[in-house]
Amino acid sequence: MDAQKIKERVATIESKRESLVRLLEKPDLGTLRIDVNQALEEIDDLIDEFKRTFPDSKTN
């Protein structure tokens, strides 16, 4: 996989992160809240690692 494809995929993931944030705002989420929080943490870790690997890149 080349760097451009990785950049595109990370940008896609980052753009969908907001959907998980909105999902957390729902009061009836129940135990699914744990999974959503975990997904957000993993996305944030992925984005941070991407930015360290490609410091001159912008995903948005």
PDB file of N, CA and C in Angstrom:
ATOM      1  N   MET A   1       0.853  -1.167   0.000  1.00  0.00           N
ATOM      2  CA  MET A   1       0.000   0.000   0.000  1.00  0.00           C
ATOM      3  C   MET A   1       0.900   1.231   0.000  1.00  0.00           C
ATOM      4  N   ASP A   2       0.605   2.166  -0.862  1.00  0.00           N
ATOM      5  CA  ASP A   2       1.442   3.365  -0.928  1.00  0.00           C
ATOM      6  C   ASP A   2       0.952   4.437   0.055  1.00  0.00           C
ATOM      7  N   ALA A   3       1.806   5.426   0.260  1.00  0.00           N
ATOM      8  CA  ALA A   3       1.525   6.468   1.250  1.00  0.00           C
ATOM      9  C   ALA A   3       0.246   7.231   0.937  1.00  0.00           C
ATOM     10  N   GLN A   4      -0.019   7.483  -0.335  1.00  0.00           N
ATOM     11  CA  GLN A   4      -1.220   8.238  -0.701  1.00  0.00           C
ATOM     12  C   GLN A   4      -2.489   7.488  -0.320  1.00  0.00           C
ATOM     13  N   LYS A   5      -2.496   6.188  -0.541  1.00  0.00           N
ATOM     14  CA  LYS A   5      -3.667   5.381  -0.188  1.00  0.00           C
ATOM     15  C   LYS A   5      -3.873   5.372   1.323  1.00  0.00           C
ATOM     16  N   ILE A   6      -2.787   5.297   2.073  1.00  0.00           N
ATOM     17  CA  ILE A   6      -2.888   5.336   3.539  1.00  0.00           C
ATOM     18  C   ILE A   6      -3.469   6.678   3.966  1.00  0.00           C
ATOM     19  N   LYS A   7      -2.990   7.763   3.385  1.00  0.00           N
ATOM     20  CA  LYS A   7      -3.493   9.100   3.714  1.00  0.00           C
ATOM     21  C   LYS A   7      -4.986   9.203   3.432  1.00  0.00           C
ATOM     22  N   GLU A   8      -5.420   8.655   2.304  1.00  0.00           N
ATOM     23  CA  GLU A   8      -6.841   8.703   1.949  1.00  0.00           C
ATOM     24  C   GLU A   8      -7.681   7.914   2.948  1.00  0.00           C
ATOM     25  N   ARG A   9      -7.202   6.756   3.327  1.00  0.00           N
ATOM     26  CA  ARG A   9      -7.956   5.920   4.269  1.00  0.00           C
ATOM     27  C   ARG A   9      -8.036   6.557   5.659  1.00  0.00           C
ATOM     28  N   VAL A  10      -6.941   7.136   6.106  1.00  0.00           N
ATOM     29  CA  VAL A  10      -6.956   7.805   7.408  1.00  0.00           C
ATOM     30  C   VAL A  10      -7.898   9.007   7.362  1.00  0.00           C
ATOM     31  N   ALA A  11      -7.904   9.740   6.262  1.00  0.00           N
ATOM     32  CA  ALA A  11      -8.816  10.879   6.119  1.00  0.00           C
ATOM     33  C   ALA A  11     -10.266  10.416   6.185  1.00  0.00           C
ATOM     34  N   THR A  12     -10.560   9.281   5.573  1.00  0.00           N
ATOM     35  CA  THR A  12     -11.918   8.735   5.621  1.00  0.00           C
ATOM     36  C   THR A  12     -12.311   8.368   7.044  1.00  0.00           C
ATOM     37  N   ILE A  13     -11.406   7.712   7.736  1.00  0.00           N
ATOM     38  CA  ILE A  13     -11.669   7.330   9.130  1.00  0.00           C
ATOM     39  C   ILE A  13     -11.876   8.567   9.986  1.00  0.00           C
ATOM     40  N   GLU A  14     -11.019   9.557   9.805  1.00  0.00           N
ATOM     41  CA  GLU A  14     -11.122  10.785  10.599  1.00  0.00           C
ATOM     42  C   GLU A  14     -12.436  11.512  10.330  1.00  0.00           C
ATOM     43  N   SER A  15     -12.894  11.489   9.091  1.00  0.00           N
ATOM     44  CA  SER A  15     -14.145  12.175   8.762  1.00  0.00           C
ATOM     45  C   SER A  15     -15.358  11.478   9.387  1.00  0.00           C
ATOM     46  N   LYS A  16     -15.243  10.198   9.654  1.00  0.00           N
ATOM     47  CA  LYS A  16     -16.368   9.454  10.245  1.00  0.00           C
ATOM     48  C   LYS A  16     -16.328   9.444  11.765  1.00  0.00           C
ATOM     49  N   ARG A  17     -15.256   9.969  12.350  1.00  0.00           N
ATOM     50  CA  ARG A  17     -15.116  10.010  13.792  1.00  0.00           C
ATOM     51  C   ARG A  17     -16.270  10.779  14.442  1.00  0.00           C
ATOM     52  N   GLU A  18     -16.682  11.850  13.797  1.00  0.00           N
ATOM     53  CA  GLU A  18     -17.757  12.689  14.351  1.00  0.00           C
ATOM     54  C   GLU A  18     -19.055  11.897  14.546  1.00  0.00           C
ATOM     55  N   SER A  19     -19.281  10.896  13.718  1.00  0.00           N
ATOM     56  CA  SER A  19     -20.476  10.056  13.877  1.00  0.00           C
ATOM     57  C   SER A  19     -20.463   9.336  15.220  1.00  0.00           C
ATOM     58  N   LEU A  20     -19.303   8.870  15.626  1.00  0.00           N
ATOM     59  CA  LEU A  20     -19.198   8.205  16.929  1.00  0.00           C
ATOM     60  C   LEU A  20     -19.391   9.189  18.071  1.00  0.00           C
ATOM     61  N   VAL A  21     -18.873  10.397  17.900  1.00  0.00           N
ATOM     62  CA  VAL A  21     -19.053  11.423  18.930  1.00  0.00           C
ATOM     63  C   VAL A  21     -20.546  11.726  19.092  1.00  0.00           C
ATOM     64  N   ARG A  22     -21.255  11.860  17.991  1.00  0.00           N
ATOM     65  CA  ARG A  22     -22.710  12.115  18.062  1.00  0.00           C
ATOM     66  C   ARG A  22     -23.443  10.944  18.700  1.00  0.00           C
ATOM     67  N   LEU A  23     -22.981   9.737  18.423  1.00  0.00           N
ATOM     68  CA  LEU A  23     -23.600   8.556  19.010  1.00  0.00           C
ATOM     69  C   LEU A  23     -23.477   8.571  20.534  1.00  0.00           C
ATOM     70  N   LEU A  24     -22.356   9.055  21.041  1.00  0.00           N
ATOM     71  CA  LEU A  24     -22.162   9.135  22.495  1.00  0.00           C
ATOM     72  C   LEU A  24     -23.157  10.075  23.163  1.00  0.00           C
ATOM     73  N   GLU A  25     -23.699  11.012  22.412  1.00  0.00           N
ATOM     74  CA  GLU A  25     -24.646  11.972  22.980  1.00  0.00           C
ATOM     75  C   GLU A  25     -26.018  11.369  23.219  1.00  0.00           C
ATOM     76  N   LYS A  26     -26.274  10.189  22.678  1.00  0.00           N
ATOM     77  CA  LYS A  26     -27.574   9.548  22.846  1.00  0.00           C
ATOM     78  C   LYS A  26     -27.682   8.951  24.243  1.00  0.00           C
ATOM     79  N   PRO A  27     -28.744   9.291  24.972  1.00  0.00           N
ATOM     80  CA  PRO A  27     -28.872   8.828  26.356  1.00  0.00           C
ATOM     81  C   PRO A  27     -29.203   7.340  26.493  1.00  0.00           C
ATOM     82  N   ASP A  28     -29.725   6.720  25.450  1.00  0.00           N
ATOM     83  CA  ASP A  28     -30.157   5.322  25.545  1.00  0.00           C
ATOM     84  C   ASP A  28     -29.125   4.346  24.976  1.00  0.00           C
ATOM     85  N   LEU A  29     -27.874   4.726  24.985  1.00  0.00           N
ATOM     86  CA  LEU A  29     -26.810   3.917  24.379  1.00  0.00           C
ATOM     87  C   LEU A  29     -26.489   2.675  25.211  1.00  0.00           C
ATOM     88  N   GLY A  30     -26.667   2.755  26.504  1.00  0.00           N
ATOM     89  CA  GLY A  30     -26.431   1.604  27.373  1.00  0.00           C
ATOM     90  C   GLY A  30     -24.984   1.161  27.375  1.00  0.00           C
ATOM     91  N   THR A  31     -24.786  -0.165  27.391  1.00  0.00           N
ATOM     92  CA  THR A  31     -23.426  -0.700  27.465  1.00  0.00           C
ATOM     93  C   THR A  31     -22.644  -0.528  26.161  1.00  0.00           C
ATOM     94  N   LEU A  32     -23.329  -0.184  25.089  1.00  0.00           N
ATOM     95  CA  LEU A  32     -22.654   0.076  23.824  1.00  0.00           C
ATOM     96  C   LEU A  32     -21.728   1.291  23.936  1.00  0.00           C
ATOM     97  N   ARG A  33     -21.994   2.136  24.931  1.00  0.00           N
ATOM     98  CA  ARG A  33     -21.177   3.325  25.170  1.00  0.00           C
ATOM     99  C   ARG A  33     -19.698   2.938  25.365  1.00  0.00           C
ATOM    100  N   ILE A  34     -19.454   1.819  26.022  1.00  0.00           N
ATOM    101  CA  ILE A  34     -18.083   1.351  26.254  1.00  0.00           C
ATOM    102  C   ILE A  34     -17.385   1.080  24.917  1.00  0.00           C
ATOM    103  N   ASP A  35     -18.082   0.415  24.012  1.00  0.00           N
ATOM    104  CA  ASP A  35     -17.506   0.093  22.704  1.00  0.00           C
ATOM    105  C   ASP A  35     -17.267   1.341  21.870  1.00  0.00           C
ATOM    106  N   VAL A  36     -18.185   2.289  21.945  1.00  0.00           N
ATOM    107  CA  VAL A  36     -18.036   3.534  21.188  1.00  0.00           C
ATOM    108  C   VAL A  36     -16.839   4.323  21.724  1.00  0.00           C
ATOM    109  N   ASN A  37     -16.709   4.388  23.040  1.00  0.00           N
ATOM    110  CA  ASN A  37     -15.548   5.067  23.637  1.00  0.00           C
ATOM    111  C   ASN A  37     -14.243   4.399  23.199  1.00  0.00           C
ATOM    112  N   GLN A  38     -14.223   3.072  23.197  1.00  0.00           N
ATOM    113  CA  GLN A  38     -13.028   2.338  22.786  1.00  0.00           C
ATOM    114  C   GLN A  38     -12.703   2.629  21.320  1.00  0.00           C
ATOM    115  N   ALA A  39     -13.713   2.667  20.481  1.00  0.00           N
ATOM    116  CA  ALA A  39     -13.496   2.963  19.065  1.00  0.00           C
ATOM    117  C   ALA A  39     -12.918   4.367  18.880  1.00  0.00           C
ATOM    118  N   LEU A  40     -13.435   5.323  19.630  1.00  0.00           N
ATOM    119  CA  LEU A  40     -12.907   6.691  19.551  1.00  0.00           C
ATOM    120  C   LEU A  40     -11.451   6.755  19.997  1.00  0.00           C
ATOM    121  N   GLU A  41     -11.123   6.054  21.059  1.00  0.00           N
ATOM    122  CA  GLU A  41      -9.740   6.028  21.534  1.00  0.00           C
ATOM    123  C   GLU A  41      -8.820   5.436  20.475  1.00  0.00           C
ATOM    124  N   GLU A  42      -9.255   4.362  19.840  1.00  0.00           N
ATOM    125  CA  GLU A  42      -8.433   3.719  18.826  1.00  0.00           C
ATOM    126  C   GLU A  42      -8.284   4.602  17.584  1.00  0.00           C
ATOM    127  N   ILE A  43      -9.346   5.279  17.202  1.00  0.00           N
ATOM    128  CA  ILE A  43      -9.263   6.207  16.066  1.00  0.00           C
ATOM    129  C   ILE A  43      -8.294   7.334  16.399  1.00  0.00           C
ATOM    130  N   ASP A  44      -8.395   7.878  17.596  1.00  0.00           N
ATOM    131  CA  ASP A  44      -7.491   8.960  17.997  1.00  0.00           C
ATOM    132  C   ASP A  44      -6.036   8.490  18.005  1.00  0.00           C
ATOM    133  N   ASP A  45      -5.808   7.266  18.481  1.00  0.00           N
ATOM    134  CA  ASP A  45      -4.453   6.707  18.473  1.00  0.00           C
ATOM    135  C   ASP A  45      -3.949   6.543  17.042  1.00  0.00           C
ATOM    136  N   LEU A  46      -4.807   6.053  16.167  1.00  0.00           N
ATOM    137  CA  LEU A  46      -4.437   5.878  14.763  1.00  0.00           C
ATOM    138  C   LEU A  46      -4.073   7.212  14.116  1.00  0.00           C
ATOM    139  N   ILE A  47      -4.878   8.220  14.359  1.00  0.00           N
ATOM    140  CA  ILE A  47      -4.633   9.543  13.786  1.00  0.00           C
ATOM    141  C   ILE A  47      -3.331  10.128  14.334  1.00  0.00           C
ATOM    142  N   ASP A  48      -3.096   9.972  15.636  1.00  0.00           N
ATOM    143  CA  ASP A  48      -1.850  10.463  16.232  1.00  0.00           C
ATOM    144  C   ASP A  48      -0.637   9.761  15.629  1.00  0.00           C
ATOM    145  N   GLU A  49      -0.729   8.456  15.487  1.00  0.00           N
ATOM    146  CA  GLU A  49       0.378   7.704  14.908  1.00  0.00           C
ATOM    147  C   GLU A  49       0.601   8.107  13.447  1.00  0.00           C
ATOM    148  N   PHE A  50      -0.480   8.319  12.724  1.00  0.00           N
ATOM    149  CA  PHE A  50      -0.370   8.762  11.335  1.00  0.00           C
ATOM    150  C   PHE A  50       0.355  10.104  11.263  1.00  0.00           C
ATOM    151  N   LYS A  51      -0.011  11.018  12.126  1.00  0.00           N
ATOM    152  CA  LYS A  51       0.605  12.348  12.115  1.00  0.00           C
ATOM    153  C   LYS A  51       2.077  12.291  12.501  1.00  0.00           C
ATOM    154  N   ARG A  52       2.449  11.341  13.360  1.00  0.00           N
ATOM    155  CA  ARG A  52       3.867  11.176  13.685  1.00  0.00           C
ATOM    156  C   ARG A  52       4.629  10.572  12.507  1.00  0.00           C
ATOM    157  N   THR A  53       3.973   9.672  11.786  1.00  0.00           N
ATOM    158  CA  THR A  53       4.619   9.013  10.658  1.00  0.00           C
ATOM    159  C   THR A  53       4.718   9.919   9.451  1.00  0.00           C
ATOM    160  N   PHE A  54       3.665  10.692   9.216  1.00  0.00           N
ATOM    161  CA  PHE A  54       3.610  11.617   8.084  1.00  0.00           C
ATOM    162  C   PHE A  54       3.376  13.040   8.625  1.00  0.00           C
ATOM    163  N   PRO A  55       4.383  13.627   9.252  1.00  0.00           N
ATOM    164  CA  PRO A  55       4.181  14.919   9.932  1.00  0.00           C
ATOM    165  C   PRO A  55       3.767  16.072   9.012  1.00  0.00           C
ATOM    166  N   ASP A  56       4.067  15.975   7.739  1.00  0.00           N
ATOM    167  CA  ASP A  56       3.727  17.062   6.819  1.00  0.00           C
ATOM    168  C   ASP A  56       2.378  16.858   6.153  1.00  0.00           C
ATOM    169  N   SER A  57       1.661  15.813   6.529  1.00  0.00           N
ATOM    170  CA  SER A  57       0.379  15.499   5.896  1.00  0.00           C
ATOM    171  C   SER A  57      -0.785  16.082   6.672  1.00  0.00           C
ATOM    172  N   LYS A  58      -1.800  16.417   5.936  1.00  0.00           N
ATOM    173  CA  LYS A  58      -3.067  16.845   6.518  1.00  0.00           C
ATOM    174  C   LYS A  58      -4.107  15.840   6.080  1.00  0.00           C
ATOM    175  N   THR A  59      -4.938  15.376   7.040  1.00  0.00           N
ATOM    176  CA  THR A  59      -5.967  14.393   6.690  1.00  0.00           C
ATOM    177  C   THR A  59      -7.282  15.065   6.352  1.00  0.00           C
ATOM    178  N   ASN A  60      -7.471  16.308   6.756  1.00  0.00           N
ATOM    179  CA  ASN A  60      -8.716  17.019   6.428  1.00  0.00           C
ATOM    180  C   ASN A  60      -8.408  18.216   5.609  1.00  0.00           C
TER     181      ASN A  60
END
